[in-house]
Amino acid sequence: MNYLNSFRKQKGFDRKRNLSSIQVALDSAAEAFELARNLNASIINQSEKDALISRTHYILLNRTYQHIEGMLTCIASASYSSAEALGRVVNESSINLLFMLLKGDERTITAYLAKWYKEHTD
């Protein structure tokens, strides 16, 4: 599926701007996020713990996708230094999410969120 037209409209890029350099990355990320969103919606949580873990993973995945869109917006507008910084955020977020998905439990998630909250309030 081509997500480029929706991205163009949402981010305010006119039709004259050539966005072919980000199309494959955008389509791949949007399709992966859509699959994850549908999978998450189909999960029947057996307990509050499972619901917390599932929702938190979805929130982190959503945030990572927002960072990907931001990075691609920077690339499309030739703001390459900003794209590089967001690319590092995407990379770190992806690693954190993968770790929590594969090795974590609710204690890992609550510790991660507590650390994030402390860093952002300091």
PDB file of N, CA and C in Angstrom:
ATOM      1  N   MET A   1       0.845  -1.187   0.000  1.00  0.00           N
ATOM      2  CA  MET A   1       0.000   0.000   0.000  1.00  0.00           C
ATOM      3  C   MET A   1       0.885   1.244   0.000  1.00  0.00           C
ATOM      4  N   ASN A   2       0.448   2.268  -0.676  1.00  0.00           N
ATOM      5  CA  ASN A   2       1.195   3.514  -0.763  1.00  0.00           C
ATOM      6  C   ASN A   2       0.676   4.496   0.295  1.00  0.00           C
ATOM      7  N   TYR A   3       1.494   4.796   1.262  1.00  0.00           N
ATOM      8  CA  TYR A   3       1.133   5.714   2.343  1.00  0.00           C
ATOM      9  C   TYR A   3       1.608   7.137   2.042  1.00  0.00           C
ATOM     10  N   LEU A   4       2.267   7.317   0.912  1.00  0.00           N
ATOM     11  CA  LEU A   4       2.897   8.595   0.605  1.00  0.00           C
ATOM     12  C   LEU A   4       1.899   9.741   0.485  1.00  0.00           C
ATOM     13  N   ASN A   5       0.771   9.517  -0.151  1.00  0.00           N
ATOM     14  CA  ASN A   5      -0.206  10.601  -0.319  1.00  0.00           C
ATOM     15  C   ASN A   5      -0.756  11.071   1.023  1.00  0.00           C
ATOM     16  N   SER A   6      -1.037  10.142   1.902  1.00  0.00           N
ATOM     17  CA  SER A   6      -1.515  10.499   3.231  1.00  0.00           C
ATOM     18  C   SER A   6      -0.443  11.266   4.006  1.00  0.00           C
ATOM     19  N   PHE A   7       0.794  10.799   3.919  1.00  0.00           N
ATOM     20  CA  PHE A   7       1.922  11.463   4.578  1.00  0.00           C
ATOM     21  C   PHE A   7       2.094  12.874   4.032  1.00  0.00           C
ATOM     22  N   ARG A   8       2.043  12.997   2.720  1.00  0.00           N
ATOM     23  CA  ARG A   8       2.199  14.303   2.063  1.00  0.00           C
ATOM     24  C   ARG A   8       1.148  15.290   2.576  1.00  0.00           C
ATOM     25  N   LYS A   9      -0.091  14.839   2.641  1.00  0.00           N
ATOM     26  CA  LYS A   9      -1.186  15.708   3.089  1.00  0.00           C
ATOM     27  C   LYS A   9      -1.042  16.051   4.576  1.00  0.00           C
ATOM     28  N   GLN A  10      -0.744  15.046   5.384  1.00  0.00           N
ATOM     29  CA  GLN A  10      -0.635  15.241   6.833  1.00  0.00           C
ATOM     30  C   GLN A  10       0.510  16.181   7.203  1.00  0.00           C
ATOM     31  N   LYS A  11       1.618  16.092   6.476  1.00  0.00           N
ATOM     32  CA  LYS A  11       2.802  16.902   6.801  1.00  0.00           C
ATOM     33  C   LYS A  11       2.875  18.209   6.025  1.00  0.00           C
ATOM     34  N   GLY A  12       1.924  18.430   5.113  1.00  0.00           N
ATOM     35  CA  GLY A  12       1.864  19.703   4.395  1.00  0.00           C
ATOM     36  C   GLY A  12       2.820  19.828   3.227  1.00  0.00           C
ATOM     37  N   PHE A  13       3.244  18.713   2.633  1.00  0.00           N
ATOM     38  CA  PHE A  13       4.107  18.769   1.461  1.00  0.00           C
ATOM     39  C   PHE A  13       3.241  18.870   0.207  1.00  0.00           C
ATOM     40  N   ASP A  14       3.583  19.803  -0.669  1.00  0.00           N
ATOM     41  CA  ASP A  14       2.793  19.923  -1.897  1.00  0.00           C
ATOM     42  C   ASP A  14       3.168  18.825  -2.890  1.00  0.00           C
ATOM     43  N   ARG A  15       2.356  18.710  -3.926  1.00  0.00           N
ATOM     44  CA  ARG A  15       2.544  17.632  -4.913  1.00  0.00           C
ATOM     45  C   ARG A  15       3.816  17.807  -5.737  1.00  0.00           C
ATOM     46  N   LYS A  16       4.362  19.003  -5.778  1.00  0.00           N
ATOM     47  CA  LYS A  16       5.569  19.254  -6.567  1.00  0.00           C
ATOM     48  C   LYS A  16       6.814  18.663  -5.919  1.00  0.00           C
ATOM     49  N   ARG A  17       6.788  18.514  -4.598  1.00  0.00           N
ATOM     50  CA  ARG A  17       7.973  18.004  -3.897  1.00  0.00           C
ATOM     51  C   ARG A  17       8.144  16.508  -4.174  1.00  0.00           C
ATOM     52  N   ASN A  18       9.336  16.151  -4.594  1.00  0.00           N
ATOM     53  CA  ASN A  18       9.649  14.757  -4.878  1.00  0.00           C
ATOM     54  C   ASN A  18       9.955  14.029  -3.562  1.00  0.00           C
ATOM     55  N   LEU A  19       9.087  13.118  -3.197  1.00  0.00           N
ATOM     56  CA  LEU A  19       9.261  12.356  -1.959  1.00  0.00           C
ATOM     57  C   LEU A  19       9.642  10.900  -2.230  1.00  0.00           C
ATOM     58  N   SER A  20      10.119  10.624  -3.434  1.00  0.00           N
ATOM     59  CA  SER A  20      10.454   9.239  -3.780  1.00  0.00           C
ATOM     60  C   SER A  20      11.584   8.687  -2.914  1.00  0.00           C
ATOM     61  N   SER A  21      12.442   9.545  -2.377  1.00  0.00           N
ATOM     62  CA  SER A  21      13.562   9.068  -1.562  1.00  0.00           C
ATOM     63  C   SER A  21      13.114   8.476  -0.226  1.00  0.00           C
ATOM     64  N   ILE A  22      11.903   8.803   0.222  1.00  0.00           N
ATOM     65  CA  ILE A  22      11.431   8.270   1.509  1.00  0.00           C
ATOM     66  C   ILE A  22      10.300   7.270   1.340  1.00  0.00           C
ATOM     67  N   GLN A  23       9.862   7.030   0.116  1.00  0.00           N
ATOM     68  CA  GLN A  23       8.655   6.214  -0.087  1.00  0.00           C
ATOM     69  C   GLN A  23       8.808   4.788   0.425  1.00  0.00           C
ATOM     70  N   VAL A  24       9.901   4.122   0.121  1.00  0.00           N
ATOM     71  CA  VAL A  24      10.066   2.729   0.560  1.00  0.00           C
ATOM     72  C   VAL A  24      10.123   2.648   2.084  1.00  0.00           C
ATOM     73  N   ALA A  25      10.881   3.557   2.700  1.00  0.00           N
ATOM     74  CA  ALA A  25      10.983   3.561   4.167  1.00  0.00           C
ATOM     75  C   ALA A  25       9.626   3.862   4.807  1.00  0.00           C
ATOM     76  N   LEU A  26       8.917   4.826   4.258  1.00  0.00           N
ATOM     77  CA  LEU A  26       7.612   5.190   4.798  1.00  0.00           C
ATOM     78  C   LEU A  26       6.619   4.039   4.652  1.00  0.00           C
ATOM     79  N   ASP A  27       6.551   3.467   3.465  1.00  0.00           N
ATOM     80  CA  ASP A  27       5.625   2.353   3.244  1.00  0.00           C
ATOM     81  C   ASP A  27       5.940   1.182   4.169  1.00  0.00           C
ATOM     82  N   SER A  28       7.219   0.873   4.318  1.00  0.00           N
ATOM     83  CA  SER A  28       7.626  -0.246   5.186  1.00  0.00           C
ATOM     84  C   SER A  28       7.259   0.010   6.640  1.00  0.00           C
ATOM     85  N   ALA A  29       7.586   1.191   7.134  1.00  0.00           N
ATOM     86  CA  ALA A  29       7.296   1.519   8.542  1.00  0.00           C
ATOM     87  C   ALA A  29       5.791   1.579   8.790  1.00  0.00           C
ATOM     88  N   ALA A  30       5.058   2.204   7.885  1.00  0.00           N
ATOM     89  CA  ALA A  30       3.607   2.330   8.072  1.00  0.00           C
ATOM     90  C   ALA A  30       2.926   0.966   8.018  1.00  0.00           C
ATOM     91  N   GLU A  31       3.366   0.118   7.102  1.00  0.00           N
ATOM     92  CA  GLU A  31       2.774  -1.217   7.012  1.00  0.00           C
ATOM     93  C   GLU A  31       3.095  -2.045   8.255  1.00  0.00           C
ATOM     94  N   ALA A  32       4.326  -1.966   8.738  1.00  0.00           N
ATOM     95  CA  ALA A  32       4.705  -2.698   9.955  1.00  0.00           C
ATOM     96  C   ALA A  32       3.901  -2.203  11.149  1.00  0.00           C
ATOM     97  N   PHE A  33       3.737  -0.891  11.262  1.00  0.00           N
ATOM     98  CA  PHE A  33       2.970  -0.342  12.375  1.00  0.00           C
ATOM     99  C   PHE A  33       1.506  -0.762  12.282  1.00  0.00           C
ATOM    100  N   GLU A  34       0.963  -0.759  11.072  1.00  0.00           N
ATOM    101  CA  GLU A  34      -0.433  -1.170  10.884  1.00  0.00           C
ATOM    102  C   GLU A  34      -0.623  -2.644  11.279  1.00  0.00           C
ATOM    103  N   LEU A  35       0.318  -3.493  10.900  1.00  0.00           N
ATOM    104  CA  LEU A  35       0.253  -4.905  11.288  1.00  0.00           C
ATOM    105  C   LEU A  35       0.322  -5.062  12.808  1.00  0.00           C
ATOM    106  N   ALA A  36       1.234  -4.328  13.434  1.00  0.00           N
ATOM    107  CA  ALA A  36       1.366  -4.399  14.887  1.00  0.00           C
ATOM    108  C   ALA A  36       0.117  -3.885  15.590  1.00  0.00           C
ATOM    109  N   ARG A  37      -0.460  -2.818  15.066  1.00  0.00           N
ATOM    110  CA  ARG A  37      -1.685  -2.262  15.651  1.00  0.00           C
ATOM    111  C   ARG A  37      -2.822  -3.283  15.569  1.00  0.00           C
ATOM    112  N   ASN A  38      -2.954  -3.931  14.420  1.00  0.00           N
ATOM    113  CA  ASN A  38      -4.001  -4.940  14.257  1.00  0.00           C
ATOM    114  C   ASN A  38      -3.763  -6.152  15.145  1.00  0.00           C
ATOM    115  N   LEU A  39      -2.515  -6.560  15.267  1.00  0.00           N
ATOM    116  CA  LEU A  39      -2.189  -7.686  16.141  1.00  0.00           C
ATOM    117  C   LEU A  39      -2.493  -7.342  17.588  1.00  0.00           C
ATOM    118  N   ASN A  40      -2.091  -6.162  18.011  1.00  0.00           N
ATOM    119  CA  ASN A  40      -2.336  -5.736  19.388  1.00  0.00           C
ATOM    120  C   ASN A  40      -3.825  -5.674  19.686  1.00  0.00           C
ATOM    121  N   ALA A  41      -4.610  -5.217  18.716  1.00  0.00           N
ATOM    122  CA  ALA A  41      -6.066  -5.126  18.906  1.00  0.00           C
ATOM    123  C   ALA A  41      -6.704  -6.503  19.025  1.00  0.00           C
ATOM    124  N   SER A  42      -6.064  -7.521  18.453  1.00  0.00           N
ATOM    125  CA  SER A  42      -6.650  -8.862  18.474  1.00  0.00           C
ATOM    126  C   SER A  42      -6.276  -9.671  19.716  1.00  0.00           C
ATOM    127  N   ILE A  43      -5.350  -9.145  20.514  1.00  0.00           N
ATOM    128  CA  ILE A  43      -4.903  -9.884  21.700  1.00  0.00           C
ATOM    129  C   ILE A  43      -5.970  -9.799  22.789  1.00  0.00           C
ATOM    130  N   ILE A  44      -6.300 -10.941  23.342  1.00  0.00           N
ATOM    131  CA  ILE A  44      -7.223 -10.998  24.475  1.00  0.00           C
ATOM    132  C   ILE A  44      -6.370 -11.184  25.725  1.00  0.00           C
ATOM    133  N   ASN A  45      -6.318 -10.153  26.538  1.00  0.00           N
ATOM    134  CA  ASN A  45      -5.488 -10.205  27.738  1.00  0.00           C
ATOM    135  C   ASN A  45      -6.193 -11.005  28.831  1.00  0.00           C
ATOM    136  N   GLN A  46      -5.434 -11.914  29.424  1.00  0.00           N
ATOM    137  CA  GLN A  46      -5.982 -12.770  30.464  1.00  0.00           C
ATOM    138  C   GLN A  46      -5.932 -12.121  31.841  1.00  0.00           C
ATOM    139  N   SER A  47      -5.082 -11.133  32.003  1.00  0.00           N
ATOM    140  CA  SER A  47      -4.928 -10.513  33.326  1.00  0.00           C
ATOM    141  C   SER A  47      -4.577  -9.038  33.172  1.00  0.00           C
ATOM    142  N   GLU A  48      -4.608  -8.309  34.277  1.00  0.00           N
ATOM    143  CA  GLU A  48      -4.213  -6.898  34.258  1.00  0.00           C
ATOM    144  C   GLU A  48      -2.748  -6.763  33.879  1.00  0.00           C
ATOM    145  N   LYS A  49      -1.928  -7.689  34.359  1.00  0.00           N
ATOM    146  CA  LYS A  49      -0.503  -7.678  34.038  1.00  0.00           C
ATOM    147  C   LYS A  49      -0.301  -7.796  32.531  1.00  0.00           C
ATOM    148  N   ASP A  50      -0.992  -8.747  31.900  1.00  0.00           N
ATOM    149  CA  ASP A  50      -0.881  -8.912  30.453  1.00  0.00           C
ATOM    150  C   ASP A  50      -1.366  -7.667  29.714  1.00  0.00           C
ATOM    151  N   ALA A  51      -2.439  -7.066  30.201  1.00  0.00           N
ATOM    152  CA  ALA A  51      -2.971  -5.852  29.578  1.00  0.00           C
ATOM    153  C   ALA A  51      -1.960  -4.706  29.679  1.00  0.00           C
ATOM    154  N   LEU A  52      -1.331  -4.568  30.849  1.00  0.00           N
ATOM    155  CA  LEU A  52      -0.328  -3.516  31.035  1.00  0.00           C
ATOM    156  C   LEU A  52       0.830  -3.711  30.069  1.00  0.00           C
ATOM    157  N   ILE A  53       1.322  -4.923  29.975  1.00  0.00           N
ATOM    158  CA  ILE A  53       2.453  -5.206  29.092  1.00  0.00           C
ATOM    159  C   ILE A  53       2.060  -4.948  27.638  1.00  0.00           C
ATOM    160  N   SER A  54       0.921  -5.439  27.221  1.00  0.00           N
ATOM    161  CA  SER A  54       0.463  -5.273  25.848  1.00  0.00           C
ATOM    162  C   SER A  54       0.272  -3.805  25.498  1.00  0.00           C
ATOM    163  N   ARG A  55      -0.386  -3.063  26.349  1.00  0.00           N
ATOM    164  CA  ARG A  55      -0.635  -1.639  26.076  1.00  0.00           C
ATOM    165  C   ARG A  55       0.657  -0.834  26.058  1.00  0.00           C
ATOM    166  N   THR A  56       1.546  -1.157  26.978  1.00  0.00           N
ATOM    167  CA  THR A  56       2.810  -0.424  27.036  1.00  0.00           C
ATOM    168  C   THR A  56       3.632  -0.682  25.786  1.00  0.00           C
ATOM    169  N   HIS A  57       3.695  -1.932  25.345  1.00  0.00           N
ATOM    170  CA  HIS A  57       4.417  -2.233  24.113  1.00  0.00           C
ATOM    171  C   HIS A  57       3.813  -1.470  22.944  1.00  0.00           C
ATOM    172  N   TYR A  58       2.496  -1.412  22.885  1.00  0.00           N
ATOM    173  CA  TYR A  58       1.839  -0.691  21.802  1.00  0.00           C
ATOM    174  C   TYR A  58       2.164   0.804  21.862  1.00  0.00           C
ATOM    175  N   ILE A  59       2.132   1.387  23.041  1.00  0.00           N
ATOM    176  CA  ILE A  59       2.435   2.812  23.195  1.00  0.00           C
ATOM    177  C   ILE A  59       3.866   3.105  22.753  1.00  0.00           C
ATOM    178  N   LEU A  60       4.805   2.258  23.160  1.00  0.00           N
ATOM    179  CA  LEU A  60       6.200   2.452  22.764  1.00  0.00           C
ATOM    180  C   LEU A  60       6.382   2.271  21.253  1.00  0.00           C
ATOM    181  N   LEU A  61       5.674   1.324  20.688  1.00  0.00           N
ATOM    182  CA  LEU A  61       5.730   1.120  19.246  1.00  0.00           C
ATOM    183  C   LEU A  61       5.149   2.325  18.511  1.00  0.00           C
ATOM    184  N   ASN A  62       4.051   2.847  19.000  1.00  0.00           N
ATOM    185  CA  ASN A  62       3.427   4.026  18.406  1.00  0.00           C
ATOM    186  C   ASN A  62       4.381   5.215  18.458  1.00  0.00           C
ATOM    187  N   ARG A  63       5.025   5.393  19.582  1.00  0.00           N
ATOM    188  CA  ARG A  63       5.970   6.512  19.744  1.00  0.00           C
ATOM    189  C   ARG A  63       7.153   6.364  18.798  1.00  0.00           C
ATOM    190  N   THR A  64       7.638   5.142  18.650  1.00  0.00           N
ATOM    191  CA  THR A  64       8.742   4.890  17.719  1.00  0.00           C
ATOM    192  C   THR A  64       8.313   5.213  16.289  1.00  0.00           C
ATOM    193  N   TYR A  65       7.087   4.835  15.937  1.00  0.00           N
ATOM    194  CA  TYR A  65       6.583   5.152  14.597  1.00  0.00           C
ATOM    195  C   TYR A  65       6.490   6.672  14.397  1.00  0.00           C
ATOM    196  N   GLN A  66       6.070   7.405  15.420  1.00  0.00           N
ATOM    197  CA  GLN A  66       6.021   8.864  15.319  1.00  0.00           C
ATOM    198  C   GLN A  66       7.417   9.439  15.080  1.00  0.00           C
ATOM    199  N   HIS A  67       8.414   8.861  15.735  1.00  0.00           N
ATOM    200  CA  HIS A  67       9.794   9.308  15.515  1.00  0.00           C
ATOM    201  C   HIS A  67      10.245   8.999  14.087  1.00  0.00           C
ATOM    202  N   ILE A  68       9.843   7.848  13.572  1.00  0.00           N
ATOM    203  CA  ILE A  68      10.179   7.507  12.179  1.00  0.00           C
ATOM    204  C   ILE A  68       9.556   8.521  11.232  1.00  0.00           C
ATOM    205  N   GLU A  69       8.293   8.846  11.449  1.00  0.00           N
ATOM    206  CA  GLU A  69       7.646   9.855  10.600  1.00  0.00           C
ATOM    207  C   GLU A  69       8.369  11.197  10.698  1.00  0.00           C
ATOM    208  N   GLY A  70       8.781  11.578  11.900  1.00  0.00           N
ATOM    209  CA  GLY A  70       9.526  12.824  12.073  1.00  0.00           C
ATOM    210  C   GLY A  70      10.846  12.801  11.331  1.00  0.00           C
ATOM    211  N   MET A  71      11.543  11.679  11.424  1.00  0.00           N
ATOM    212  CA  MET A  71      12.819  11.533  10.723  1.00  0.00           C
ATOM    213  C   MET A  71      12.607  11.646   9.213  1.00  0.00           C
ATOM    214  N   LEU A  72      11.581  10.986   8.696  1.00  0.00           N
ATOM    215  CA  LEU A  72      11.314  11.039   7.262  1.00  0.00           C
ATOM    216  C   LEU A  72      10.868  12.434   6.823  1.00  0.00           C
ATOM    217  N   THR A  73      10.159  13.141   7.684  1.00  0.00           N
ATOM    218  CA  THR A  73       9.786  14.527   7.388  1.00  0.00           C
ATOM    219  C   THR A  73      11.037  15.385   7.268  1.00  0.00           C
ATOM    220  N   CYS A  74      11.984  15.173   8.172  1.00  0.00           N
ATOM    221  CA  CYS A  74      13.243  15.930   8.104  1.00  0.00           C
ATOM    222  C   CYS A  74      14.010  15.619   6.821  1.00  0.00           C
ATOM    223  N   ILE A  75      14.057  14.349   6.442  1.00  0.00           N
ATOM    224  CA  ILE A  75      14.736  13.980   5.196  1.00  0.00           C
ATOM    225  C   ILE A  75      14.047  14.630   4.002  1.00  0.00           C
ATOM    226  N   ALA A  76      12.714  14.575   3.983  1.00  0.00           N
ATOM    227  CA  ALA A  76      11.959  15.149   2.869  1.00  0.00           C
ATOM    228  C   ALA A  76      12.148  16.651   2.752  1.00  0.00           C
ATOM    229  N   SER A  77      12.420  17.306   3.876  1.00  0.00           N
ATOM    230  CA  SER A  77      12.605  18.763   3.842  1.00  0.00           C
ATOM    231  C   SER A  77      14.087  19.149   3.889  1.00  0.00           C
ATOM    232  N   ALA A  78      14.963  18.169   3.652  1.00  0.00           N
ATOM    233  CA  ALA A  78      16.418  18.379   3.589  1.00  0.00           C
ATOM    234  C   ALA A  78      17.007  18.892   4.899  1.00  0.00           C
ATOM    235  N   SER A  79      16.425  18.490   6.010  1.00  0.00           N
ATOM    236  CA  SER A  79      16.975  18.816   7.333  1.00  0.00           C
ATOM    237  C   SER A  79      17.714  17.570   7.842  1.00  0.00           C
ATOM    238  N   TYR A  80      18.854  17.317   7.228  1.00  0.00           N
ATOM    239  CA  TYR A  80      19.537  16.043   7.453  1.00  0.00           C
ATOM    240  C   TYR A  80      20.128  15.891   8.851  1.00  0.00           C
ATOM    241  N   SER A  81      20.583  16.972   9.450  1.00  0.00           N
ATOM    242  CA  SER A  81      21.116  16.871  10.815  1.00  0.00           C
ATOM    243  C   SER A  81      20.019  16.484  11.799  1.00  0.00           C
ATOM    244  N   SER A  82      18.858  17.068  11.634  1.00  0.00           N
ATOM    245  CA  SER A  82      17.726  16.715  12.496  1.00  0.00           C
ATOM    246  C   SER A  82      17.283  15.282  12.240  1.00  0.00           C
ATOM    247  N   ALA A  83      17.318  14.867  10.984  1.00  0.00           N
ATOM    248  CA  ALA A  83      16.957  13.484  10.652  1.00  0.00           C
ATOM    249  C   ALA A  83      17.920  12.511  11.310  1.00  0.00           C
ATOM    250  N   GLU A  84      19.193  12.870  11.345  1.00  0.00           N
ATOM    251  CA  GLU A  84      20.184  12.007  11.982  1.00  0.00           C
ATOM    252  C   GLU A  84      19.904  11.861  13.477  1.00  0.00           C
ATOM    253  N   ALA A  85      19.579  12.961  14.135  1.00  0.00           N
ATOM    254  CA  ALA A  85      19.276  12.911  15.566  1.00  0.00           C
ATOM    255  C   ALA A  85      18.038  12.059  15.831  1.00  0.00           C
ATOM    256  N   LEU A  86      17.008  12.238  15.028  1.00  0.00           N
ATOM    257  CA  LEU A  86      15.800  11.418  15.191  1.00  0.00           C
ATOM    258  C   LEU A  86      16.075   9.956  14.850  1.00  0.00           C
ATOM    259  N   GLY A  87      16.963   9.721  13.893  1.00  0.00           N
ATOM    260  CA  GLY A  87      17.343   8.354  13.552  1.00  0.00           C
ATOM    261  C   GLY A  87      17.967   7.636  14.744  1.00  0.00           C
ATOM    262  N   ARG A  88      18.780   8.352  15.512  1.00  0.00           N
ATOM    263  CA  ARG A  88      19.363   7.754  16.723  1.00  0.00           C
ATOM    264  C   ARG A  88      18.272   7.434  17.737  1.00  0.00           C
ATOM    265  N   VAL A  89      17.293   8.309  17.876  1.00  0.00           N
ATOM    266  CA  VAL A  89      16.176   8.070  18.789  1.00  0.00           C
ATOM    267  C   VAL A  89      15.394   6.827  18.349  1.00  0.00           C
ATOM    268  N   VAL A  90      15.149   6.708  17.042  1.00  0.00           N
ATOM    269  CA  VAL A  90      14.434   5.542  16.507  1.00  0.00           C
ATOM    270  C   VAL A  90      15.211   4.268  16.822  1.00  0.00           C
ATOM    271  N   ASN A  91      16.511   4.317  16.612  1.00  0.00           N
ATOM    272  CA  ASN A  91      17.354   3.151  16.869  1.00  0.00           C
ATOM    273  C   ASN A  91      17.302   2.750  18.345  1.00  0.00           C
ATOM    274  N   GLU A  92      17.479   3.709  19.237  1.00  0.00           N
ATOM    275  CA  GLU A  92      17.446   3.412  20.676  1.00  0.00           C
ATOM    276  C   GLU A  92      16.065   2.921  21.115  1.00  0.00           C
ATOM    277  N   SER A  93      15.020   3.547  20.618  1.00  0.00           N
ATOM    278  CA  SER A  93      13.663   3.133  20.975  1.00  0.00           C
ATOM    279  C   SER A  93      13.382   1.715  20.498  1.00  0.00           C
ATOM    280  N   SER A  94      13.840   1.406  19.305  1.00  0.00           N
ATOM    281  CA  SER A  94      13.628   0.068  18.757  1.00  0.00           C
ATOM    282  C   SER A  94      14.339  -0.988  19.592  1.00  0.00           C
ATOM    283  N   ILE A  95      15.559  -0.690  19.997  1.00  0.00           N
ATOM    284  CA  ILE A  95      16.314  -1.639  20.831  1.00  0.00           C
ATOM    285  C   ILE A  95      15.633  -1.812  22.175  1.00  0.00           C
ATOM    286  N   ASN A  96      15.203  -0.717  22.793  1.00  0.00           N
ATOM    287  CA  ASN A  96      14.503  -0.811  24.077  1.00  0.00           C
ATOM    288  C   ASN A  96      13.225  -1.638  23.945  1.00  0.00           C
ATOM    289  N   LEU A  97      12.473  -1.391  22.895  1.00  0.00           N
ATOM    290  CA  LEU A  97      11.223  -2.125  22.687  1.00  0.00           C
ATOM    291  C   LEU A  97      11.497  -3.609  22.459  1.00  0.00           C
ATOM    292  N   LEU A  98      12.490  -3.918  21.631  1.00  0.00           N
ATOM    293  CA  LEU A  98      12.817  -5.323  21.388  1.00  0.00           C
ATOM    294  C   LEU A  98      13.249  -6.021  22.677  1.00  0.00           C
ATOM    295  N   PHE A  99      14.053  -5.341  23.471  1.00  0.00           N
ATOM    296  CA  PHE A  99      14.487  -5.937  24.732  1.00  0.00           C
ATOM    297  C   PHE A  99      13.282  -6.241  25.617  1.00  0.00           C
ATOM    298  N   MET A 100      12.381  -5.277  25.734  1.00  0.00           N
ATOM    299  CA  MET A 100      11.211  -5.489  26.589  1.00  0.00           C
ATOM    300  C   MET A 100      10.299  -6.575  26.043  1.00  0.00           C
ATOM    301  N   LEU A 101      10.190  -6.661  24.735  1.00  0.00           N
ATOM    302  CA  LEU A 101       9.349  -7.702  24.146  1.00  0.00           C
ATOM    303  C   LEU A 101       9.935  -9.090  24.365  1.00  0.00           C
ATOM    304  N   LEU A 102      11.255  -9.208  24.238  1.00  0.00           N
ATOM    305  CA  LEU A 102      11.881 -10.520  24.279  1.00  0.00           C
ATOM    306  C   LEU A 102      12.336 -10.951  25.674  1.00  0.00           C
ATOM    307  N   LYS A 103      12.730 -10.001  26.495  1.00  0.00           N
ATOM    308  CA  LYS A 103      13.324 -10.348  27.786  1.00  0.00           C
ATOM    309  C   LYS A 103      12.597  -9.761  28.988  1.00  0.00           C
ATOM    310  N   GLY A 104      11.675  -8.884  28.747  1.00  0.00           N
ATOM    311  CA  GLY A 104      11.100  -8.130  29.849  1.00  0.00           C
ATOM    312  C   GLY A 104       9.823  -8.713  30.402  1.00  0.00           C
ATOM    313  N   ASP A 105       9.420  -8.114  31.495  1.00  0.00           N
ATOM    314  CA  ASP A 105       8.129  -8.383  32.108  1.00  0.00           C
ATOM    315  C   ASP A 105       7.605  -7.062  32.640  1.00  0.00           C
ATOM    316  N   GLU A 106       6.572  -7.098  33.461  1.00  0.00           N
ATOM    317  CA  GLU A 106       5.993  -5.833  33.916  1.00  0.00           C
ATOM    318  C   GLU A 106       6.967  -5.029  34.770  1.00  0.00           C
ATOM    319  N   ARG A 107       7.890  -5.675  35.461  1.00  0.00           N
ATOM    320  CA  ARG A 107       8.892  -4.944  36.264  1.00  0.00           C
ATOM    321  C   ARG A 107       9.847  -4.173  35.350  1.00  0.00           C
ATOM    322  N   THR A 108      10.228  -4.777  34.228  1.00  0.00           N
ATOM    323  CA  THR A 108      11.092  -4.098  33.265  1.00  0.00           C
ATOM    324  C   THR A 108      10.405  -2.851  32.730  1.00  0.00           C
ATOM    325  N   ILE A 109       9.140  -2.984  32.401  1.00  0.00           N
ATOM    326  CA  ILE A 109       8.397  -1.866  31.835  1.00  0.00           C
ATOM    327  C   ILE A 109       8.213  -0.752  32.861  1.00  0.00           C
ATOM    328  N   THR A 110       7.820  -1.095  34.074  1.00  0.00           N
ATOM    329  CA  THR A 110       7.614  -0.044  35.081  1.00  0.00           C
ATOM    330  C   THR A 110       8.928   0.634  35.436  1.00  0.00           C
ATOM    331  N   ALA A 111      10.031  -0.117  35.476  1.00  0.00           N
ATOM    332  CA  ALA A 111      11.337   0.500  35.741  1.00  0.00           C
ATOM    333  C   ALA A 111      11.725   1.441  34.597  1.00  0.00           C
ATOM    334  N   TYR A 112      11.471   1.013  33.374  1.00  0.00           N
ATOM    335  CA  TYR A 112      11.778   1.845  32.209  1.00  0.00           C
ATOM    336  C   TYR A 112      10.969   3.140  32.251  1.00  0.00           C
ATOM    337  N   LEU A 113       9.674   3.026  32.518  1.00  0.00           N
ATOM    338  CA  LEU A 113       8.820   4.212  32.543  1.00  0.00           C
ATOM    339  C   LEU A 113       9.173   5.130  33.709  1.00  0.00           C
ATOM    340  N   ALA A 114       9.530   4.559  34.856  1.00  0.00           N
ATOM    341  CA  ALA A 114       9.938   5.374  36.008  1.00  0.00           C
ATOM    342  C   ALA A 114      11.213   6.146  35.680  1.00  0.00           C
ATOM    343  N   LYS A 115      12.163   5.487  35.018  1.00  0.00           N
ATOM    344  CA  LYS A 115      13.413   6.150  34.635  1.00  0.00           C
ATOM    345  C   LYS A 115      13.124   7.257  33.620  1.00  0.00           C
ATOM    346  N   TRP A 116      12.287   6.961  32.636  1.00  0.00           N
ATOM    347  CA  TRP A 116      11.940   7.963  31.628  1.00  0.00           C
ATOM    348  C   TRP A 116      11.288   9.177  32.295  1.00  0.00           C
ATOM    349  N   TYR A 117      10.361   8.935  33.214  1.00  0.00           N
ATOM    350  CA  TYR A 117       9.673  10.028  33.882  1.00  0.00           C
ATOM    351  C   TYR A 117      10.653  10.888  34.679  1.00  0.00           C
ATOM    352  N   LYS A 118      11.556  10.246  35.415  1.00  0.00           N
ATOM    353  CA  LYS A 118      12.536  10.982  36.209  1.00  0.00           C
ATOM    354  C   LYS A 118      13.437  11.830  35.308  1.00  0.00           C
ATOM    355  N   GLU A 119      13.917  11.244  34.204  1.00  0.00           N
ATOM    356  CA  GLU A 119      14.782  11.991  33.281  1.00  0.00           C
ATOM    357  C   GLU A 119      14.074  13.195  32.693  1.00  0.00           C
ATOM    358  N   HIS A 120      12.781  13.052  32.404  1.00  0.00           N
ATOM    359  CA  HIS A 120      12.070  14.146  31.760  1.00  0.00           C
ATOM    360  C   HIS A 120      11.556  15.196  32.744  1.00  0.00           C
ATOM    361  N   THR A 121      11.461  14.848  34.021  1.00  0.00           N
ATOM    362  CA  THR A 121      11.083  15.867  34.996  1.00  0.00           C
ATOM    363  C   THR A 121      12.299  16.599  35.543  1.00  0.00           C
ATOM    364  N   ASP A 122      13.487  15.986  35.436  1.00  0.00           N
ATOM    365  CA  ASP A 122      14.729  16.654  35.873  1.00  0.00           C
ATOM    366  C   ASP A 122      15.074  17.705  34.894  1.00  0.00           C
TER     367      ASP A 122
END
